Amino acid sequence: MKITPTLWTAAAAGAVAALAWPFLWSRYGGAGSAGSVELVVATLLLIALPAHAFVVGFGRSATAAPGTVDMALLKRVGTWLGAAIAVTIIRTALA
């Protein structure tokens, strides 16, 4: 399966993470929780895996030379975080 990460896929992954995390925390985490296996598994499946697939990708990057910063990856990570922050702000404003 070939997934090519782009700024759009990174933004989508950030939005999904921001929407999923409050639900996961209220369902499996929260006050008095001793850290459940369900929270860890759900976080890996709904936040970490999509972030890896749609921000980092599964193949090697041919855009950056060894020893340099991969600017495309850095932009995708920034877009992922920016989208997550934007969705969080919008959710807070609408609540």
Protein backbone atom coordinates (compact mmCIF):
# COMPACT_ATOMS: atom_id res chain seq x y z
CA MET A 1 0.00 0.00 0.00
CA LYS A 2 1.52 3.29 -1.14
CA ILE A 3 0.46 6.34 0.83
CA THR A 4 2.03 9.62 -0.23
CA PRO A 5 1.90 12.13 2.60
CA THR A 6 0.92 15.67 1.60
CA LEU A 7 -0.02 18.84 3.43
CA TRP A 8 -3.69 17.90 2.95
CA THR A 9 -3.30 14.41 4.41
CA ALA A 10 -1.30 15.87 7.31
CA ALA A 11 -4.06 18.40 8.00
CA ALA A 12 -6.70 15.66 7.87
CA ALA A 13 -4.70 13.51 10.30
CA GLY A 14 -4.37 16.48 12.67
CA ALA A 15 -8.09 17.17 12.54
CA VAL A 16 -8.93 13.52 13.21
CA ALA A 17 -6.51 13.43 16.13
CA ALA A 18 -8.01 16.57 17.65
CA LEU A 19 -11.53 15.19 17.28
CA ALA A 20 -10.67 11.70 18.53
CA TRP A 21 -8.57 12.51 21.57
CA PRO A 22 -11.27 14.11 23.80
CA PHE A 23 -13.58 11.17 23.08
CA LEU A 24 -10.83 8.64 23.84
CA TRP A 25 -9.86 10.41 27.05
CA SER A 26 -13.44 10.61 28.30
CA ARG A 27 -14.10 6.98 27.38
CA TYR A 28 -10.88 5.27 28.52
CA GLY A 29 -8.89 7.82 30.54
CA GLY A 30 -10.04 10.60 32.79
CA ALA A 31 -9.72 11.23 36.50
CA GLY A 32 -9.08 8.21 38.63
CA SER A 33 -7.97 6.08 35.70
CA ALA A 34 -4.85 4.04 36.23
CA GLY A 35 -3.91 4.20 32.55
CA SER A 36 -5.83 1.59 30.67
CA VAL A 37 -4.62 -0.64 27.89
CA GLU A 38 -7.67 0.42 25.89
CA LEU A 39 -6.53 4.06 25.96
CA VAL A 40 -3.08 3.12 24.72
CA VAL A 41 -4.41 0.90 21.94
CA ALA A 42 -7.02 3.44 20.86
CA THR A 43 -4.41 6.22 20.84
CA LEU A 44 -2.10 4.12 18.71
CA LEU A 45 -4.86 3.21 16.24
CA LEU A 46 -6.67 6.55 15.97
CA ILE A 47 -3.85 9.06 16.46
CA ALA A 48 -0.36 7.60 16.08
CA LEU A 49 -0.92 5.32 13.09
CA PRO A 50 -2.77 7.92 10.97
CA ALA A 51 -0.18 10.53 11.93
CA HIS A 52 2.61 8.24 10.81
CA ALA A 53 0.89 7.20 7.60
CA PHE A 54 -0.38 10.60 6.50
CA VAL A 55 2.38 12.87 7.87
CA VAL A 56 5.57 10.79 7.75
CA GLY A 57 4.62 8.08 5.26
CA PHE A 58 5.88 4.52 5.10
CA GLY A 59 8.64 4.91 2.51
CA ARG A 60 12.01 6.59 2.54
CA SER A 61 12.07 10.24 1.64
CA ALA A 62 14.16 11.04 -1.41
CA THR A 63 13.75 14.78 -0.96
CA ALA A 64 16.34 15.37 1.76
CA ALA A 65 20.02 14.69 1.45
CA PRO A 66 21.66 12.81 4.31
CA GLY A 67 22.60 15.15 7.14
CA THR A 68 20.07 17.84 6.17
CA VAL A 69 16.62 18.73 7.43
CA ASP A 70 13.69 17.36 5.44
CA MET A 71 11.77 20.60 4.98
CA ALA A 72 8.77 18.84 3.40
CA LEU A 73 8.43 16.62 6.48
CA LEU A 74 8.85 19.62 8.75
CA LYS A 75 6.06 21.44 6.90
CA ARG A 76 3.77 18.40 7.13
CA VAL A 77 4.40 18.10 10.89
CA GLY A 78 3.63 21.81 11.30
CA THR A 79 0.45 21.42 9.27
CA TRP A 80 -0.58 18.39 11.36
CA LEU A 81 -0.09 20.30 14.60
CA GLY A 82 -1.70 23.46 13.21
CA ALA A 83 -4.80 21.58 12.10
CA ALA A 84 -5.08 19.88 15.49
CA ILE A 85 -4.80 23.23 17.26
CA ALA A 86 -7.33 24.86 14.92
CA VAL A 87 -9.87 22.08 15.46
CA THR A 88 -9.36 22.28 19.22
CA ILE A 89 -9.94 26.05 19.20
CA ILE A 90 -13.06 25.66 17.05
CA ARG A 91 -14.44 22.90 19.30
CA THR A 92 -13.85 25.06 22.37
CA ALA A 93 -15.50 28.07 20.76
CA LEU A 94 -18.57 26.07 19.74
CA ALA A 95 -18.99 24.35 23.11
